[in-house]
C-alpha cells in the first residue's frame, strides 16, 4: 500500500495546524520590507546606482530634446530676428537704464535736445536715448516680461539663452499636457517631442526672437482645460495656472484668445446645461486676472516714470480704414463726427501697415504723429469702431470673415527668410554688435530654405488633419482617439479660428500669426499615434525600463 500521499497530507496539516508541543516551521527568507540597508549594502547601492543612472539618462535626453527644438537656429547659425525684436529689447533696456543708469548698445545717453531728429526714421534708430523713446509715448502691446528674457539673451551673447529658454518651455508644455491627458510621461515625451520638432513649425518659433510661441501655448492650454471634466489635483491646477498666466503675460493677443475661448466655452455650457469643466474654466479665468494685474503694474510703472500715459496701437482703426467701411464712414460724416481721423480723410484709404508704420507723406498717420495726436487717435478707437459698426454692420462682417479666412489659410514660414529690403532695414536700425551676428546667418545671405520648409509645413498640417479624420472614422486599425482627446482637438481648432479672427480681422494678416499656433494639429496627431507606438514596442526600451525604477 502506497502511503506517500497520506504522509504528505499529514506533513502539510502539521505545518498549517501544529499540535500542542509540535515544532512550527517558518520561512527563513526575509520579506522585502524586512531587508535592512545596513545588513544588505549591495541591494542599497544597487538601487542608488540604478536611480542615478536613470536620472543621468533622463537629463541627457532632456538636454538633447532642448537642442532638437533649436535645429532651425543651429542650421541658420543664429536665432531669427524680426524688426519688432529691437522694439521688445529696447522696452526692457530702457526700463533697466532708468533704474540702474547702465547703457548697452541699444540705448544711448540722453542729449540736451532731440529737436530736428526724425524719430520715425529707422536710419537714425541704431540706438535710442530714453528721452527719444518716451517723446512720442511708450507703446503697450510689447510684453515687458518677455522682453526681460530677450534682454538676458542679449547681454549673455547672441540671444542663445533666450531661445534655449523658449525651447525648454516647449518641453514643459508637452510634459503637463501628457500628465493632464493621462499619458505616461516616459517615453511618450520623447516620441511626441521628436515628432513635433521634425513635422511641425514649433522649432522655428522656439528659434524666433519674438514671443509668438506663447500664443500657441495659450491655445493649447485653454483647449485642454476646457476639455477636461474630471477633478484636478492641487499641483496640476497650480502648474496650469502658472504656465497659462506666463504665456498670456508674454503676448497680448494671448489674452484676447484665451478670453474668447473662455467666453465660447461658457456659452456652450449654458446651452448644454452642464458645468462639468468648471475647474478648467476657473483656471483660465484666474490666469487672465493674473495677467491683467501684471499688465496693470507695467502700465502704472510707465506712467510714474515717464509722467505720461502709455499708448496702444489703434489696430482696429487701421483695419477699418484699410478694409473700406471706416473710410466710407469718415467721408460720409466728417467733419461733423469730430474724429481726429477726419484730418486724414483725403489720404484714405491706405493699408493698415501704412496707417501704423508708414512715413511717406500722404501714406502715413500714426508713426509720424506727435504724442498728443497719437493719444487722441488711440483714445477714440473704441468710439470710432462702434460708430462704423452701426454705420455698416454688413460690410464689417463681410470683411472680417474674408480676413479671418485669409489668415486661417496663411501659415507659411516666409518670415524666416530675409530679403534685401529686410536686410537694409536691419542694417540701418540694429546696433553693430547685433548686425555682426545677423550677417553671419544663412538667412541674411538668403541661403536658408524657408520656402521649402513652408511647403513641408503645409504638407504636415494637411497630413495630420487627414490622419485625425481617418482615426475618427475608424479606418486606421490600432489607432484610437478617446473622447477627451477629441474634445481637446475641437477646442484647439476653435482656438486656431479665433486666433485667425483676432489677428486677421483686427491687425493686418501676416503668415506668422497663424503659423505660430498651427503646430497644435500635428501634436494632437502625435498624441494619438504615441499610444499605438508604445503598445507595439512593449517594455524593452531603455527608457521603459528606467521608468520602472
Protein backbone atom coordinates (compact mmCIF):
# COMPACT_ATOMS: atom_id res chain seq x y z
CA UNK A 1 0.00 0.00 0.00
CA UNK A 2 1.37 3.39 -1.00
CA UNK A 3 1.35 5.89 1.91
CA UNK A 4 3.25 8.74 0.22
CA UNK A 5 0.11 10.83 -0.33
CA UNK A 6 -1.05 10.24 3.23
CA UNK A 7 2.34 11.23 4.64
CA UNK A 8 2.43 14.39 2.58
CA UNK A 9 -1.03 15.32 3.75
CA UNK A 10 -0.10 14.84 7.40
CA UNK A 11 3.05 16.93 6.93
CA UNK A 12 1.07 19.79 5.38
CA UNK A 13 -1.51 19.56 8.16
CA UNK A 14 1.21 19.76 10.81
CA UNK A 15 2.64 22.86 9.18
CA UNK A 16 -0.68 24.72 8.93
CA UNK A 17 -2.27 23.39 12.15
CA UNK A 18 0.52 22.42 14.59
CA UNK A 19 -0.46 20.30 17.63
CA UNK A 20 0.48 21.33 21.11
CA UNK A 21 4.17 20.85 21.64
CA UNK A 22 4.83 20.44 17.94
CA UNK A 23 7.53 22.47 16.23
CA UNK A 24 6.18 25.24 13.87
CA UNK A 25 8.13 25.66 10.64
CA UNK A 26 8.61 29.24 9.35
CA UNK A 27 10.26 30.63 6.28
CA UNK A 28 13.83 31.76 6.74
CA UNK A 29 13.70 34.09 3.66
CA UNK A 30 13.13 37.67 4.86
CA UNK A 31 10.41 39.76 3.22
CA UNK A 32 11.48 42.69 1.06
CA UNK A 33 10.25 45.14 3.67
CA UNK A 34 12.41 43.44 6.33
CA UNK A 35 15.63 43.97 4.39
CA UNK A 36 17.94 46.35 6.23
CA UNK A 37 20.07 48.62 4.04
CA UNK A 38 22.88 48.31 6.57
CA UNK A 39 22.63 44.49 6.56
CA UNK A 40 22.33 44.34 2.74
CA UNK A 41 24.56 47.10 1.34
CA UNK A 42 24.63 45.56 -2.13
CA UNK A 43 20.87 45.98 -2.51
CA UNK A 44 21.01 49.59 -1.33
CA UNK A 45 23.91 50.65 -3.52
CA UNK A 46 22.46 48.80 -6.50
CA UNK A 47 19.21 50.71 -6.10
CA UNK A 48 21.05 54.03 -5.74
CA UNK A 49 23.13 53.27 -8.82
CA UNK A 50 20.07 52.47 -10.90
CA UNK A 51 18.32 55.64 -9.79
CA UNK A 52 21.41 57.69 -10.53
CA UNK A 53 21.70 56.16 -13.97
CA UNK A 54 18.02 56.85 -14.59
CA UNK A 55 18.42 60.49 -13.58
CA UNK A 56 21.50 60.89 -15.75
CA UNK A 57 19.82 59.27 -18.75
CA UNK A 58 16.71 61.40 -18.46
CA UNK A 59 18.76 64.56 -18.04
CA UNK A 60 20.75 63.75 -21.17
CA UNK A 61 17.55 63.07 -23.09
CA UNK A 62 16.00 66.38 -21.97
CA UNK A 63 19.12 68.32 -23.00
CA UNK A 64 19.01 66.58 -26.36
CA UNK A 65 15.35 67.47 -26.84
CA UNK A 66 16.00 71.13 -25.98
CA UNK A 67 18.71 71.21 -28.65
CA UNK A 68 16.47 69.38 -31.11
CA UNK A 69 13.85 72.12 -30.86
CA UNK A 70 16.58 74.60 -31.85
CA UNK A 71 17.61 72.87 -35.06
CA UNK A 72 16.44 75.80 -37.28
CA UNK A 73 18.66 78.23 -35.34
CA UNK A 74 21.57 75.80 -35.41
CA UNK A 75 21.13 75.37 -39.18
CA UNK A 76 20.82 79.14 -39.63
CA UNK A 77 23.91 79.76 -37.45
CA UNK A 78 21.90 82.01 -35.16
CA UNK A 79 18.39 82.90 -33.97
CA UNK A 80 15.90 84.51 -36.36
CA UNK A 81 15.38 88.26 -35.98
CA UNK A 82 12.41 90.45 -36.80
CA UNK A 83 12.06 94.23 -36.87
CA UNK A 84 9.95 94.06 -33.70
CA UNK A 85 12.85 92.35 -31.92
CA UNK A 86 14.52 95.74 -31.41
CA UNK A 87 11.27 97.20 -30.02
CA UNK A 88 11.00 94.43 -27.44
CA UNK A 89 14.59 94.62 -26.31
CA UNK A 90 14.51 98.41 -26.04
CA UNK A 91 11.47 98.25 -23.77
CA UNK A 92 13.47 96.16 -21.29
CA UNK A 93 16.71 98.06 -21.90
CA UNK A 94 15.06 101.43 -21.34
CA UNK A 95 13.44 100.25 -18.11
CA UNK A 96 16.72 98.92 -16.73
CA UNK A 97 18.52 102.05 -17.94
CA UNK A 98 16.04 104.14 -15.98
CA UNK A 99 16.56 102.12 -12.80
CA UNK A 100 20.26 101.26 -12.94
CA UNK A 101 21.62 104.03 -15.20
CA UNK A 102 23.51 101.45 -17.27
CA UNK A 103 23.80 101.60 -21.05
CA UNK A 104 24.01 98.90 -23.68
CA UNK A 105 24.37 99.00 -27.45
CA UNK A 106 20.62 99.55 -27.68
CA UNK A 107 20.39 102.69 -25.53
CA UNK A 108 22.38 105.91 -25.64
CA UNK A 109 22.76 108.72 -23.15
CA UNK A 110 20.10 111.39 -23.07
CA UNK A 111 21.05 114.52 -25.01
CA UNK A 112 20.02 118.02 -24.18
CA UNK A 113 17.94 118.34 -27.32
CA UNK A 114 16.30 115.88 -29.68
CA UNK A 115 14.65 118.50 -31.85
CA UNK A 116 15.28 118.01 -35.53
CA UNK A 117 15.62 114.25 -35.22
CA UNK A 118 13.16 112.20 -37.23
CA UNK A 119 12.32 109.66 -34.56
CA UNK A 120 10.38 107.59 -37.08
CA UNK A 121 13.42 107.31 -39.37
CA UNK A 122 14.99 103.87 -38.93
CA UNK A 123 18.21 105.33 -40.31
CA UNK A 124 18.57 107.22 -37.02
CA UNK A 125 17.47 104.31 -34.87
CA UNK A 126 20.56 102.18 -34.23
CA UNK A 127 20.37 103.33 -30.61
CA UNK A 128 17.83 105.46 -28.79
CA UNK A 129 18.10 107.52 -25.64
CA UNK A 130 15.40 107.28 -23.01
CA UNK A 131 14.29 110.79 -23.91
CA UNK A 132 13.88 109.80 -27.56
CA UNK A 133 11.98 106.64 -26.67
CA UNK A 134 9.50 108.46 -24.45
CA UNK A 135 8.99 111.59 -26.60
CA UNK A 136 6.13 110.06 -28.58
CA UNK A 137 4.88 107.84 -25.79
CA UNK A 138 5.63 104.32 -24.62
CA UNK A 139 3.59 101.84 -26.62
CA UNK A 140 1.82 99.00 -24.84
CA UNK A 141 1.41 95.65 -26.58
CA UNK A 142 5.08 94.69 -26.32
CA UNK A 143 5.40 92.45 -23.26
CA UNK A 144 7.95 93.75 -20.79
CA UNK A 145 8.06 90.33 -19.12
CA UNK A 146 9.17 88.50 -22.26
CA UNK A 147 11.43 91.44 -23.11
CA UNK A 148 13.44 90.82 -19.95
CA UNK A 149 14.32 87.32 -21.15
CA UNK A 150 15.23 88.75 -24.54
CA UNK A 151 17.45 91.25 -22.75
CA UNK A 152 19.17 88.45 -20.83
CA UNK A 153 19.88 86.74 -24.13
CA UNK A 154 21.38 89.97 -25.48
CA UNK A 155 23.74 90.64 -22.59
CA UNK A 156 24.88 86.99 -22.37
CA UNK A 157 25.79 86.99 -26.05
CA UNK A 158 24.00 86.07 -29.24
CA UNK A 159 20.47 85.67 -27.79
CA UNK A 160 21.07 81.92 -27.43
CA UNK A 161 19.92 81.94 -23.81
CA UNK A 162 16.56 83.33 -24.91
CA UNK A 163 15.84 80.62 -27.44
CA UNK A 164 17.13 77.85 -25.14
CA UNK A 165 14.60 79.07 -22.57
CA UNK A 166 11.85 79.06 -25.21
CA UNK A 167 12.79 75.53 -26.24
CA UNK A 168 12.59 74.41 -22.61
CA UNK A 169 9.12 75.96 -22.42
CA UNK A 170 8.02 73.69 -25.28
CA UNK A 171 9.09 70.66 -23.24
CA UNK A 172 7.20 71.97 -20.21
CA UNK A 173 4.07 72.38 -22.34
CA UNK A 174 4.33 68.81 -23.63
CA UNK A 175 5.02 67.45 -20.13
CA UNK A 176 1.99 68.99 -18.41
CA UNK A 177 -0.16 68.09 -21.43
CA UNK A 178 0.80 64.41 -21.08
CA UNK A 179 0.18 64.44 -17.33
CA UNK A 180 -3.24 66.05 -17.68
CA UNK A 181 -4.37 63.76 -20.52
CA UNK A 182 -3.31 60.63 -18.65
CA UNK A 183 -0.33 59.62 -20.80
CA UNK A 184 2.81 58.01 -19.38
CA UNK A 185 5.47 60.70 -19.49
CA UNK A 186 8.29 58.32 -20.41
CA UNK A 187 8.82 57.50 -23.21
CA UNK A 188 5.82 59.43 -24.65
CA UNK A 189 7.59 62.73 -24.01
CA UNK A 190 10.43 61.63 -26.26
CA UNK A 191 8.14 60.36 -29.03
CA UNK A 192 5.95 63.48 -29.12
CA UNK A 193 8.89 65.89 -28.78
CA UNK A 194 10.94 64.34 -31.57
CA UNK A 195 7.91 64.14 -33.83
CA UNK A 196 6.85 67.72 -33.07
CA UNK A 197 10.35 69.06 -33.72
CA UNK A 198 10.54 67.34 -37.09
CA UNK A 199 6.99 67.55 -38.53
CA UNK A 200 5.76 70.92 -37.27
CA UNK A 201 6.95 74.52 -37.21
CA UNK A 202 7.19 74.80 -33.40
CA UNK A 203 11.00 74.55 -33.61
CA UNK A 204 11.05 77.64 -35.83
CA UNK A 205 9.17 79.69 -33.26
CA UNK A 206 11.38 78.39 -30.46
CA UNK A 207 14.27 79.83 -32.52
CA UNK A 208 12.45 83.12 -33.22
CA UNK A 209 13.23 86.31 -31.27
CA UNK A 210 9.57 87.16 -30.82
CA UNK A 211 7.08 85.85 -28.21
CA UNK A 212 4.79 84.31 -30.85
CA UNK A 213 5.45 80.82 -29.47
CA UNK A 214 3.47 81.64 -26.33
CA UNK A 215 0.25 82.30 -28.25
CA UNK A 216 0.34 78.62 -29.22
CA UNK A 217 0.78 77.71 -25.56
CA UNK A 218 -2.31 79.78 -24.70
CA UNK A 219 -4.42 77.97 -27.32
CA UNK A 220 -3.15 74.52 -26.26
CA UNK A 221 -3.55 75.15 -22.55
CA UNK A 222 -7.02 76.69 -22.86
CA UNK A 223 -8.22 73.82 -25.08
CA UNK A 224 -7.03 71.20 -22.58
CA UNK A 225 -8.51 72.99 -19.56
CA UNK A 226 -11.87 73.40 -21.29
CA UNK A 227 -11.90 69.74 -22.39
CA UNK A 228 -11.01 68.20 -19.01
CA UNK A 229 -14.08 67.36 -16.92
CA UNK A 230 -12.54 65.40 -14.04
CA UNK A 231 -11.22 66.60 -10.72
CA UNK A 232 -7.74 68.08 -10.83
CA UNK A 233 -5.08 67.86 -8.14
CA UNK A 234 -3.57 70.89 -6.44
CA UNK A 235 -0.21 70.50 -8.18
CA UNK A 236 -1.91 70.14 -11.55
CA UNK A 237 -4.03 73.24 -11.02
CA UNK A 238 -1.00 75.24 -9.89
CA UNK A 239 1.08 74.12 -12.85
CA UNK A 240 -1.54 75.13 -15.39
CA UNK A 241 -2.26 78.44 -13.66
CA UNK A 242 1.41 79.42 -13.62
CA UNK A 243 2.07 78.23 -17.16
CA UNK A 244 -1.02 79.83 -18.69
CA UNK A 245 -0.55 83.08 -16.76
CA UNK A 246 3.02 83.36 -18.01
CA UNK A 247 2.02 82.59 -21.59
CA UNK A 248 -0.67 85.29 -21.53
CA UNK A 249 1.76 87.79 -19.98
CA UNK A 250 4.22 87.17 -22.80
CA UNK A 251 1.86 88.21 -25.61
CA UNK A 252 -1.20 90.47 -25.59
CA UNK A 253 -3.07 88.55 -28.27
CA UNK A 254 -2.91 85.53 -25.98
CA UNK A 255 -5.15 87.39 -23.55
CA UNK A 256 -7.72 88.04 -26.26
CA UNK A 257 -7.58 84.44 -27.49
CA UNK A 258 -7.92 82.90 -24.03
CA UNK A 259 -10.76 85.27 -23.11
CA UNK A 260 -12.56 84.44 -26.36
CA UNK A 261 -12.23 80.70 -25.81
CA UNK A 262 -13.43 81.11 -22.24
CA UNK A 263 -16.48 83.05 -23.43
CA UNK A 264 -17.36 80.48 -26.10
CA UNK A 265 -16.96 77.64 -23.57
CA UNK A 266 -19.20 79.41 -21.05
CA UNK A 267 -21.90 79.90 -23.71
CA UNK A 268 -21.57 76.22 -24.65
CA UNK A 269 -22.01 75.18 -21.03
CA UNK A 270 -25.13 77.31 -20.73
CA UNK A 271 -26.58 75.73 -23.86
CA UNK A 272 -25.94 72.15 -22.73
CA UNK A 273 -26.71 72.97 -19.07
CA UNK A 274 -23.55 71.39 -17.75
CA UNK A 275 -20.56 72.85 -15.95
CA UNK A 276 -18.50 69.68 -15.56
CA UNK A 277 -15.43 71.56 -16.79
CA UNK A 278 -15.78 74.40 -14.30
CA UNK A 279 -12.36 73.68 -12.78
CA UNK A 280 -10.55 74.27 -16.07
CA UNK A 281 -12.60 77.39 -16.79
CA UNK A 282 -11.72 78.72 -13.34
CA UNK A 283 -8.00 78.23 -14.04
CA UNK A 284 -8.30 80.15 -17.33
CA UNK A 285 -10.18 82.96 -15.59
CA UNK A 286 -7.58 83.10 -12.80
CA UNK A 287 -4.78 83.23 -15.37
CA UNK A 288 -6.50 86.10 -17.18
CA UNK A 289 -6.87 88.01 -13.92
CA UNK A 290 -3.21 87.39 -13.08
CA UNK A 291 -2.11 88.61 -16.49
CA UNK A 292 -4.32 91.69 -16.24
CA UNK A 293 -2.80 92.57 -12.87
CA UNK A 294 0.69 92.05 -14.30
CA UNK A 295 -0.01 94.32 -17.26
CA UNK A 296 -1.59 96.93 -14.98
CA UNK A 297 1.60 97.04 -12.93
CA UNK A 298 3.60 97.73 -16.09
CA UNK A 299 1.18 100.49 -17.12
CA UNK A 300 1.40 102.07 -13.67
CA UNK A 301 5.20 101.90 -13.69
CA UNK A 302 5.41 103.57 -17.11
CA UNK A 303 3.05 106.35 -16.06
CA UNK A 304 5.00 107.05 -12.88
CA UNK A 305 8.43 107.02 -14.51
CA UNK A 306 7.64 108.97 -17.71
CA UNK A 307 4.83 111.19 -16.34
CA UNK A 308 2.65 110.35 -19.33
CA UNK A 309 0.17 107.59 -20.00
CA UNK A 310 1.36 104.74 -22.25
CA UNK A 311 -0.49 104.23 -25.53
CA UNK A 312 -1.88 101.31 -27.51
CA UNK A 313 -1.66 100.97 -31.25
CA UNK A 314 -5.01 101.80 -32.93
CA UNK A 315 -5.02 98.44 -34.73
CA UNK A 316 -8.78 98.26 -35.14
CA UNK A 317 -8.92 101.80 -36.53
CA UNK A 318 -6.27 100.94 -39.09
CA UNK A 319 -8.08 97.73 -40.06
CA UNK A 320 -11.43 99.50 -40.59
CA UNK A 321 -9.76 102.18 -42.70
CA UNK A 322 -7.93 99.64 -44.84
CA UNK A 323 -10.98 97.41 -45.38
CA UNK A 324 -13.21 100.26 -46.52
CA UNK A 325 -16.11 100.63 -44.02
CA UNK A 326 -14.13 103.08 -41.87
CA UNK A 327 -13.13 105.16 -44.88
CA UNK A 328 -16.73 105.28 -46.16
CA UNK A 329 -17.99 106.34 -42.75
CA UNK A 330 -15.48 109.19 -42.43
CA UNK A 331 -16.23 110.50 -45.91
CA UNK A 332 -19.95 110.50 -45.10
CA UNK A 333 -19.75 112.08 -41.63
CA UNK A 334 -16.64 114.31 -41.42
CA UNK A 335 -16.21 116.90 -40.02
CA UNK A 336 -19.50 116.59 -38.10
CA UNK A 337 -18.41 113.38 -36.38
CA UNK A 338 -15.48 115.22 -34.72
CA UNK A 339 -12.96 112.41 -35.03
CA UNK A 340 -9.25 113.14 -35.19
CA UNK A 341 -9.21 110.84 -38.21
CA UNK A 342 -11.18 113.45 -40.17
CA UNK A 343 -7.92 115.37 -40.64
CA UNK A 344 -6.61 112.48 -42.77
CA UNK A 345 -9.77 111.58 -44.67
CA UNK A 346 -8.40 112.83 -48.01
CA UNK A 347 -5.49 110.38 -47.71
CA UNK A 348 -7.75 107.35 -47.15
CA UNK A 349 -7.95 104.52 -47.90
CA UNK A 350 -4.49 103.21 -47.03
CA UNK A 351 -3.18 99.87 -45.84
CA UNK A 352 -3.02 99.06 -42.15
CA UNK A 353 0.75 98.94 -42.34
CA UNK A 354 0.93 102.42 -43.89
CA UNK A 355 -1.56 103.76 -41.34
CA UNK A 356 0.50 102.48 -38.41
CA UNK A 357 4.10 102.49 -39.62
CA UNK A 358 4.22 104.50 -42.85
CA UNK A 359 6.49 107.54 -43.05
CA UNK A 360 5.80 108.85 -46.56
CA UNK A 361 3.61 111.98 -46.94
CA UNK A 362 0.03 111.05 -47.77
CA UNK A 363 0.61 107.42 -46.77
CA UNK A 364 1.17 107.72 -43.04
CA UNK A 365 -0.74 108.59 -39.89
CA UNK A 366 0.43 107.16 -36.59
CA UNK A 367 4.20 106.80 -36.97
CA UNK A 368 4.86 110.46 -37.80
CA UNK A 369 2.27 111.89 -35.38
CA UNK A 370 3.13 113.71 -32.14
CA UNK A 371 2.41 112.20 -28.73
CA UNK A 372 -0.71 114.32 -28.35
CA UNK A 373 -2.04 113.23 -31.76
CA UNK A 374 -1.23 109.59 -31.04
CA UNK A 375 -3.02 109.84 -27.71
CA UNK A 376 -6.15 111.21 -29.37
CA UNK A 377 -6.12 108.53 -32.08
CA UNK A 378 -5.76 105.74 -29.53
CA UNK A 379 -8.39 107.21 -27.23
CA UNK A 380 -11.08 107.44 -29.91
CA UNK A 381 -10.53 103.90 -31.26
CA UNK A 382 -13.46 102.25 -29.45
CA UNK A 383 -15.89 105.08 -30.19
CA UNK A 384 -14.87 105.06 -33.85
CA UNK A 385 -15.24 101.27 -34.15
CA UNK A 386 -18.74 101.30 -32.64
CA UNK A 387 -19.77 104.17 -34.92
CA UNK A 388 -18.57 102.29 -38.02
CA UNK A 389 -20.33 99.13 -36.82
CA UNK A 390 -23.62 100.99 -36.61
CA UNK A 391 -22.99 102.58 -39.99
CA UNK A 392 -22.11 99.43 -41.94
CA UNK A 393 -22.53 96.18 -39.94
CA UNK A 394 -22.78 94.03 -43.07
CA UNK A 395 -19.59 95.49 -44.52
CA UNK A 396 -17.67 94.86 -41.29
CA UNK A 397 -18.97 91.28 -41.08
CA UNK A 398 -18.06 90.59 -44.71
CA UNK A 399 -14.52 91.99 -44.50
CA UNK A 400 -13.98 90.37 -41.09
CA UNK A 401 -14.89 86.93 -42.43
CA UNK A 402 -12.70 87.40 -45.50
CA UNK A 403 -9.73 88.50 -43.38
CA UNK A 404 -10.26 85.60 -40.98
CA UNK A 405 -10.39 83.08 -43.82
CA UNK A 406 -7.28 84.52 -45.46
CA UNK A 407 -5.37 84.44 -42.16
CA UNK A 408 -6.56 80.91 -41.33
CA UNK A 409 -5.05 79.53 -44.54
CA UNK A 410 -1.83 81.54 -44.46
CA UNK A 411 0.74 79.84 -42.24
CA UNK A 412 3.85 79.86 -44.38
CA UNK A 413 7.30 80.42 -42.90
CA UNK A 414 8.18 83.37 -45.10
CA UNK A 415 9.16 85.46 -42.05
CA UNK A 416 12.16 83.17 -41.61
CA UNK A 417 13.60 84.09 -44.98
CA UNK A 418 15.24 87.53 -45.23
CA UNK A 419 15.44 89.62 -48.39
CA UNK A 420 17.39 92.70 -49.48
CA UNK A 421 14.77 95.14 -48.19
CA UNK A 422 14.62 93.48 -44.79
CA UNK A 423 18.40 93.33 -44.56
CA UNK A 424 18.63 97.05 -45.36
CA UNK A 425 16.16 97.90 -42.58
CA UNK A 426 18.15 95.88 -40.09
CA UNK A 427 21.43 97.45 -41.21
CA UNK A 428 20.00 100.91 -40.53
CA UNK A 429 18.25 100.14 -37.25
CA UNK A 430 20.14 97.40 -35.36
CA UNK A 431 23.35 98.09 -33.39
CA UNK A 432 26.57 96.88 -34.96
CA UNK A 433 27.06 94.19 -32.32
CA UNK A 434 23.76 92.60 -33.31
CA UNK A 435 24.46 93.04 -37.02
CA UNK A 436 27.69 91.08 -36.74
CA UNK A 437 25.68 88.07 -35.65
CA UNK A 438 22.90 88.67 -38.17
CA UNK A 439 25.36 88.91 -41.07
CA UNK A 440 26.82 85.52 -40.15
CA UNK A 441 23.45 83.79 -40.54
CA UNK A 442 22.31 81.92 -43.64
CA UNK A 443 19.03 83.84 -43.69
CA UNK A 444 20.87 87.15 -44.13
CA UNK A 445 22.56 85.79 -47.25
CA UNK A 446 19.22 84.33 -48.44
CA UNK A 447 20.56 80.79 -48.19
CA UNK A 448 18.10 79.47 -45.60
CA UNK A 449 15.41 77.42 -47.45
CA UNK A 450 12.37 78.99 -45.81
CA UNK A 451 10.23 78.38 -48.91
CA UNK A 452 10.95 74.64 -48.80
CA UNK A 453 10.06 74.44 -45.11
CA UNK A 454 6.86 76.39 -45.81
CA UNK A 455 5.78 73.72 -48.29
CA UNK A 456 6.64 70.98 -45.80
CA UNK A 457 4.70 72.82 -43.09
CA UNK A 458 1.54 72.85 -45.23
CA UNK A 459 2.11 69.19 -46.11
CA UNK A 460 2.49 68.10 -42.49
CA UNK A 461 -0.60 70.01 -41.34
CA UNK A 462 -2.74 68.58 -44.14
CA UNK A 463 -1.44 65.06 -43.46
CA UNK A 464 -2.15 65.47 -39.74
CA UNK A 465 -5.72 66.59 -40.39
CA UNK A 466 -6.23 63.68 -42.78
CA UNK A 467 -4.79 61.24 -40.24
CA UNK A 468 -7.10 62.52 -37.48
CA UNK A 469 -10.11 62.24 -39.80
CA UNK A 470 -9.24 58.63 -40.67
CA UNK A 471 -8.80 57.80 -36.99
CA UNK A 472 -12.16 59.38 -36.18
CA UNK A 473 -13.81 57.30 -38.94
CA UNK A 474 -12.06 54.19 -37.53
CA UNK A 475 -10.40 53.45 -40.85
CA UNK A 476 -6.88 53.12 -39.44
CA UNK A 477 -6.56 49.95 -37.30
CA UNK A 478 -4.95 50.18 -33.89
CA UNK A 479 -5.43 53.95 -33.54
CA UNK A 480 -7.93 55.25 -31.01
CA UNK A 481 -8.88 58.84 -30.26
CA UNK A 482 -10.69 58.88 -26.92
CA UNK A 483 -13.41 61.35 -26.05
CA UNK A 484 -11.06 63.59 -24.04
CA UNK A 485 -8.59 63.97 -26.89
CA UNK A 486 -11.46 64.62 -29.29
CA UNK A 487 -12.66 67.47 -27.10
CA UNK A 488 -9.12 68.83 -26.89
CA UNK A 489 -8.85 68.84 -30.68
CA UNK A 490 -12.24 70.54 -31.14
CA UNK A 491 -11.35 73.33 -28.71
CA UNK A 492 -7.85 73.66 -30.12
CA UNK A 493 -9.29 74.05 -33.61
CA UNK A 494 -11.69 76.67 -32.24
CA UNK A 495 -8.61 78.42 -30.84
CA UNK A 496 -6.97 78.37 -34.28
CA UNK A 497 -10.04 80.01 -35.80
CA UNK A 498 -10.25 82.64 -33.05
CA UNK A 499 -6.55 83.38 -33.44
CA UNK A 500 -7.11 83.93 -37.16
CA UNK A 501 -10.08 86.20 -36.44
CA UNK A 502 -8.22 88.27 -33.84
CA UNK A 503 -5.04 88.53 -35.89
CA UNK A 504 -6.50 88.87 -39.37
CA UNK A 505 -9.60 90.91 -38.61
CA UNK A 506 -8.06 93.29 -36.06
CA UNK A 507 -4.45 93.54 -37.19
CA UNK A 508 -3.23 93.09 -40.75
CA UNK A 509 -2.70 89.49 -41.84
CA UNK A 510 0.81 88.05 -41.57
CA UNK A 511 1.86 84.42 -42.12
CA UNK A 512 3.49 84.14 -38.70
CA UNK A 513 0.22 84.93 -36.93
CA UNK A 514 -1.28 81.58 -37.91
CA UNK A 515 1.97 79.64 -38.22
CA UNK A 516 2.64 80.24 -34.51
CA UNK A 517 -0.38 78.12 -33.48
CA UNK A 518 -0.89 75.60 -36.28
CA UNK A 519 1.69 73.20 -34.78
CA UNK A 520 -1.02 72.05 -32.37
CA UNK A 521 -2.63 69.97 -35.16
CA UNK A 522 0.44 67.71 -35.67
CA UNK A 523 0.79 67.50 -31.88
CA UNK A 524 -2.70 66.00 -31.49
CA UNK A 525 -1.91 63.52 -34.27
CA UNK A 526 1.31 62.54 -32.48
CA UNK A 527 -0.58 62.02 -29.21
CA UNK A 528 -2.91 59.57 -30.97
CA UNK A 529 -0.06 57.72 -32.68
CA UNK A 530 2.03 57.56 -29.49
CA UNK A 531 -0.35 55.08 -27.85
CA UNK A 532 -0.04 52.62 -30.75
CA UNK A 533 3.72 53.12 -30.84
CA UNK A 534 4.18 52.46 -27.12
CA UNK A 535 1.90 49.42 -27.26
CA UNK A 536 3.80 47.98 -30.22
CA UNK A 537 7.26 48.49 -28.72
CA UNK A 538 6.47 46.74 -25.41
CA UNK A 539 8.68 47.33 -22.38
CA UNK A 540 12.02 46.58 -23.97
CA UNK A 541 13.45 50.06 -24.36
CA UNK A 542 15.93 51.64 -22.00
CA UNK A 543 13.52 54.44 -21.10
CA UNK A 544 10.76 51.94 -20.47
CA UNK A 545 12.98 50.03 -18.04
CA UNK A 546 14.07 53.25 -16.35
CA UNK A 547 10.50 54.26 -15.54
CA UNK A 548 10.00 51.05 -13.60
CA UNK A 549 12.61 52.11 -11.06
